[in-house]
Amino acid sequence: MGIVRVVHATLSNTIWLFFLALGLWGLFNAVRKRGVDGSYLGAMVIGEVLFAVQAVLGVVLWAGGFLPGLGRPTMHILYGAFALVFMPFVYFVWLKGDDSVQSQWVLGFTTLFLFGVALRAVSVAA
């Protein structure tokens, strides 16, 4: 179980760095008046997969009894669940798959917001 904890902790750093880069890339594209393209959507899917893998590792840790070691376990789980559903919600429900420049602005700020959510999830776990 020790290796799962290390991978979970290391992956959390990867996630917040990834979403920081993704958010800055999205805003850079929006400033250049470029709409959402396949490369950006692919990177968003990779980010969602990272969150999903992180959630699976978290469930494994929870099943192994490591949840009480967290500072605020309920908030940590809430941030993780929110991170899993927020980006698909924004893209499919709010933007309805639009790929305009305005959508690029929204997705750039969405990914930066998820960067903050990932950082907050790390901080409440300590």
C-alpha atoms as a PDB file:
ATOM      1  CA  MET A   1       0.000   0.000   0.000  1.00  0.00           C
ATOM      2  CA  GLY A   2       2.996   2.261   0.463  1.00  0.00           C
ATOM      3  CA  ILE A   3       3.671   2.427  -3.262  1.00  0.00           C
ATOM      4  CA  VAL A   4       0.040   3.401  -3.928  1.00  0.00           C
ATOM      5  CA  ARG A   5       0.416   6.300  -1.481  1.00  0.00           C
ATOM      6  CA  VAL A   6       3.599   7.457  -3.199  1.00  0.00           C
ATOM      7  CA  VAL A   7       2.038   7.230  -6.665  1.00  0.00           C
ATOM      8  CA  HIS A   8      -1.099   9.049  -5.433  1.00  0.00           C
ATOM      9  CA  ALA A   9       1.008  11.862  -3.952  1.00  0.00           C
ATOM     10  CA  THR A  10       3.287  12.126  -6.981  1.00  0.00           C
ATOM     11  CA  LEU A  11       0.401  12.041  -9.427  1.00  0.00           C
ATOM     12  CA  SER A  12      -1.254  14.903  -7.548  1.00  0.00           C
ATOM     13  CA  ASN A  13       1.779  17.092  -8.279  1.00  0.00           C
ATOM     14  CA  THR A  14       1.673  16.007 -11.917  1.00  0.00           C
ATOM     15  CA  ILE A  15      -2.004  16.925 -12.126  1.00  0.00           C
ATOM     16  CA  TRP A  16      -1.733  20.447 -10.793  1.00  0.00           C
ATOM     17  CA  LEU A  17       1.297  21.146 -12.991  1.00  0.00           C
ATOM     18  CA  PHE A  18      -0.517  19.693 -16.012  1.00  0.00           C
ATOM     19  CA  PHE A  19      -3.611  21.812 -15.416  1.00  0.00           C
ATOM     20  CA  LEU A  20      -1.523  24.936 -14.894  1.00  0.00           C
ATOM     21  CA  ALA A  21       0.158  24.363 -18.263  1.00  0.00           C
ATOM     22  CA  LEU A  22      -3.178  23.489 -19.885  1.00  0.00           C
ATOM     23  CA  GLY A  23      -4.825  26.635 -18.539  1.00  0.00           C
ATOM     24  CA  LEU A  24      -1.996  28.883 -19.698  1.00  0.00           C
ATOM     25  CA  TRP A  25      -2.038  27.198 -23.109  1.00  0.00           C
ATOM     26  CA  GLY A  26      -5.801  27.735 -23.345  1.00  0.00           C
ATOM     27  CA  LEU A  27      -5.545  31.422 -22.473  1.00  0.00           C
ATOM     28  CA  PHE A  28      -2.637  31.832 -24.910  1.00  0.00           C
ATOM     29  CA  ASN A  29      -4.812  30.335 -27.664  1.00  0.00           C
ATOM     30  CA  ALA A  30      -7.714  32.600 -26.695  1.00  0.00           C
ATOM     31  CA  VAL A  31      -5.539  35.724 -26.757  1.00  0.00           C
ATOM     32  CA  ARG A  32      -4.405  34.714 -30.261  1.00  0.00           C
ATOM     33  CA  LYS A  33      -8.101  34.374 -31.194  1.00  0.00           C
ATOM     34  CA  ARG A  34      -7.851  30.663 -31.896  1.00  0.00           C
ATOM     35  CA  GLY A  35     -10.812  28.456 -31.139  1.00  0.00           C
ATOM     36  CA  VAL A  36     -10.743  25.106 -29.402  1.00  0.00           C
ATOM     37  CA  ASP A  37      -8.845  22.592 -31.524  1.00  0.00           C
ATOM     38  CA  GLY A  38      -8.293  18.858 -31.341  1.00  0.00           C
ATOM     39  CA  SER A  39      -4.937  19.199 -29.620  1.00  0.00           C
ATOM     40  CA  TYR A  40      -6.457  21.148 -26.759  1.00  0.00           C
ATOM     41  CA  LEU A  41      -9.419  18.784 -26.466  1.00  0.00           C
ATOM     42  CA  GLY A  42      -7.018  15.826 -26.423  1.00  0.00           C
ATOM     43  CA  ALA A  43      -5.021  17.425 -23.636  1.00  0.00           C
ATOM     44  CA  MET A  44      -8.249  18.002 -21.700  1.00  0.00           C
ATOM     45  CA  VAL A  45      -9.103  14.306 -22.069  1.00  0.00           C
ATOM     46  CA  ILE A  46      -5.632  13.392 -20.798  1.00  0.00           C
ATOM     47  CA  GLY A  47      -6.266  15.643 -17.799  1.00  0.00           C
ATOM     48  CA  GLU A  48      -9.574  13.912 -17.105  1.00  0.00           C
ATOM     49  CA  VAL A  49      -7.861  10.513 -17.336  1.00  0.00           C
ATOM     50  CA  LEU A  50      -5.263  11.718 -14.821  1.00  0.00           C
ATOM     51  CA  PHE A  51      -8.060  12.738 -12.452  1.00  0.00           C
ATOM     52  CA  ALA A  52      -9.760   9.356 -12.962  1.00  0.00           C
ATOM     53  CA  VAL A  53      -6.561   7.418 -12.227  1.00  0.00           C
ATOM     54  CA  GLN A  54      -6.048   9.591  -9.157  1.00  0.00           C
ATOM     55  CA  ALA A  55      -9.595   8.791  -8.027  1.00  0.00           C
ATOM     56  CA  VAL A  56      -9.047   5.044  -8.463  1.00  0.00           C
ATOM     57  CA  LEU A  57      -5.852   5.246  -6.415  1.00  0.00           C
ATOM     58  CA  GLY A  58      -7.732   7.236  -3.781  1.00  0.00           C
ATOM     59  CA  VAL A  59     -10.442   4.578  -3.585  1.00  0.00           C
ATOM     60  CA  VAL A  60      -7.755   1.902  -3.192  1.00  0.00           C
ATOM     61  CA  LEU A  61      -6.211   3.901  -0.342  1.00  0.00           C
ATOM     62  CA  TRP A  62      -9.611   4.437   1.236  1.00  0.00           C
ATOM     63  CA  ALA A  63     -10.378   0.698   1.005  1.00  0.00           C
ATOM     64  CA  GLY A  64      -7.002   0.005   2.597  1.00  0.00           C
ATOM     65  CA  GLY A  65      -7.852   2.195   5.582  1.00  0.00           C
ATOM     66  CA  PHE A  66      -5.591   5.154   4.851  1.00  0.00           C
ATOM     67  CA  LEU A  67      -8.350   7.787   4.790  1.00  0.00           C
ATOM     68  CA  PRO A  68      -8.175   8.669   8.520  1.00  0.00           C
ATOM     69  CA  GLY A  69      -4.574   9.822   7.979  1.00  0.00           C
ATOM     70  CA  LEU A  70      -5.804  12.813   5.957  1.00  0.00           C
ATOM     71  CA  GLY A  71      -6.167  16.234   7.496  1.00  0.00           C
ATOM     72  CA  ARG A  72      -9.711  16.781   6.201  1.00  0.00           C
ATOM     73  CA  PRO A  73     -10.814  13.603   4.406  1.00  0.00           C
ATOM     74  CA  THR A  74     -14.333  14.757   3.540  1.00  0.00           C
ATOM     75  CA  MET A  75     -13.089  17.907   1.816  1.00  0.00           C
ATOM     76  CA  HIS A  76     -10.360  15.942   0.019  1.00  0.00           C
ATOM     77  CA  ILE A  77     -12.967  13.550  -1.403  1.00  0.00           C
ATOM     78  CA  LEU A  78     -15.265  16.446  -2.324  1.00  0.00           C
ATOM     79  CA  TYR A  79     -12.500  18.223  -4.261  1.00  0.00           C
ATOM     80  CA  GLY A  80     -11.643  14.983  -6.060  1.00  0.00           C
ATOM     81  CA  ALA A  81     -15.244  14.291  -7.035  1.00  0.00           C
ATOM     82  CA  PHE A  82     -15.729  17.873  -8.200  1.00  0.00           C
ATOM     83  CA  ALA A  83     -12.567  17.718 -10.319  1.00  0.00           C
ATOM     84  CA  LEU A  84     -13.882  14.618 -12.080  1.00  0.00           C
ATOM     85  CA  VAL A  85     -17.192  16.124 -13.144  1.00  0.00           C
ATOM     86  CA  PHE A  86     -16.519  19.850 -13.608  1.00  0.00           C
ATOM     87  CA  MET A  87     -14.690  19.913 -16.946  1.00  0.00           C
ATOM     88  CA  PRO A  88     -17.044  17.485 -18.735  1.00  0.00           C
ATOM     89  CA  PHE A  89     -19.961  19.482 -17.350  1.00  0.00           C
ATOM     90  CA  VAL A  90     -18.565  22.757 -18.689  1.00  0.00           C
ATOM     91  CA  TYR A  91     -17.798  21.320 -22.115  1.00  0.00           C
ATOM     92  CA  PHE A  92     -20.878  19.193 -22.724  1.00  0.00           C
ATOM     93  CA  VAL A  93     -23.628  20.990 -20.781  1.00  0.00           C
ATOM     94  CA  TRP A  94     -22.615  24.627 -20.725  1.00  0.00           C
ATOM     95  CA  LEU A  95     -20.652  24.995 -23.994  1.00  0.00           C
ATOM     96  CA  LYS A  96     -22.484  22.140 -25.759  1.00  0.00           C
ATOM     97  CA  GLY A  97     -19.336  21.215 -27.694  1.00  0.00           C
ATOM     98  CA  ASP A  98     -18.806  24.703 -29.130  1.00  0.00           C
ATOM     99  CA  ASP A  99     -15.282  25.332 -30.454  1.00  0.00           C
ATOM    100  CA  SER A 100     -15.323  29.129 -30.818  1.00  0.00           C
ATOM    101  CA  VAL A 101     -12.827  31.596 -29.395  1.00  0.00           C
ATOM    102  CA  GLN A 102     -15.266  32.385 -26.587  1.00  0.00           C
ATOM    103  CA  SER A 103     -15.292  28.691 -25.665  1.00  0.00           C
ATOM    104  CA  GLN A 104     -11.501  28.711 -25.646  1.00  0.00           C
ATOM    105  CA  TRP A 105     -11.602  31.493 -23.058  1.00  0.00           C
ATOM    106  CA  VAL A 106     -14.066  29.502 -20.953  1.00  0.00           C
ATOM    107  CA  LEU A 107     -12.024  26.305 -21.183  1.00  0.00           C
ATOM    108  CA  GLY A 108      -8.786  28.148 -20.427  1.00  0.00           C
ATOM    109  CA  PHE A 109     -10.264  29.556 -17.234  1.00  0.00           C
ATOM    110  CA  THR A 110     -11.909  26.201 -16.446  1.00  0.00           C
ATOM    111  CA  THR A 111      -8.587  24.408 -16.563  1.00  0.00           C
ATOM    112  CA  LEU A 112      -6.948  27.131 -14.466  1.00  0.00           C
ATOM    113  CA  PHE A 113      -9.771  26.737 -11.955  1.00  0.00           C
ATOM    114  CA  LEU A 114      -9.132  22.987 -11.879  1.00  0.00           C
ATOM    115  CA  PHE A 115      -5.459  23.774 -11.264  1.00  0.00           C
ATOM    116  CA  GLY A 116      -6.583  25.596  -8.130  1.00  0.00           C
ATOM    117  CA  VAL A 117      -8.922  22.759  -7.146  1.00  0.00           C
ATOM    118  CA  ALA A 118      -6.061  20.263  -7.496  1.00  0.00           C
ATOM    119  CA  LEU A 119      -3.806  22.436  -5.321  1.00  0.00           C
ATOM    120  CA  ARG A 120      -6.531  22.771  -2.730  1.00  0.00           C
ATOM    121  CA  ALA A 121      -7.095  19.003  -2.677  1.00  0.00           C
ATOM    122  CA  VAL A 122      -3.379  18.541  -2.000  1.00  0.00           C
ATOM    123  CA  SER A 123      -3.409  21.122   0.783  1.00  0.00           C
ATOM    124  CA  VAL A 124      -6.360  19.632   2.671  1.00  0.00           C
ATOM    125  CA  ALA A 125      -4.755  16.173   2.472  1.00  0.00           C
ATOM    126  CA  ALA A 126      -1.706  17.325   4.433  1.00  0.00           C
END
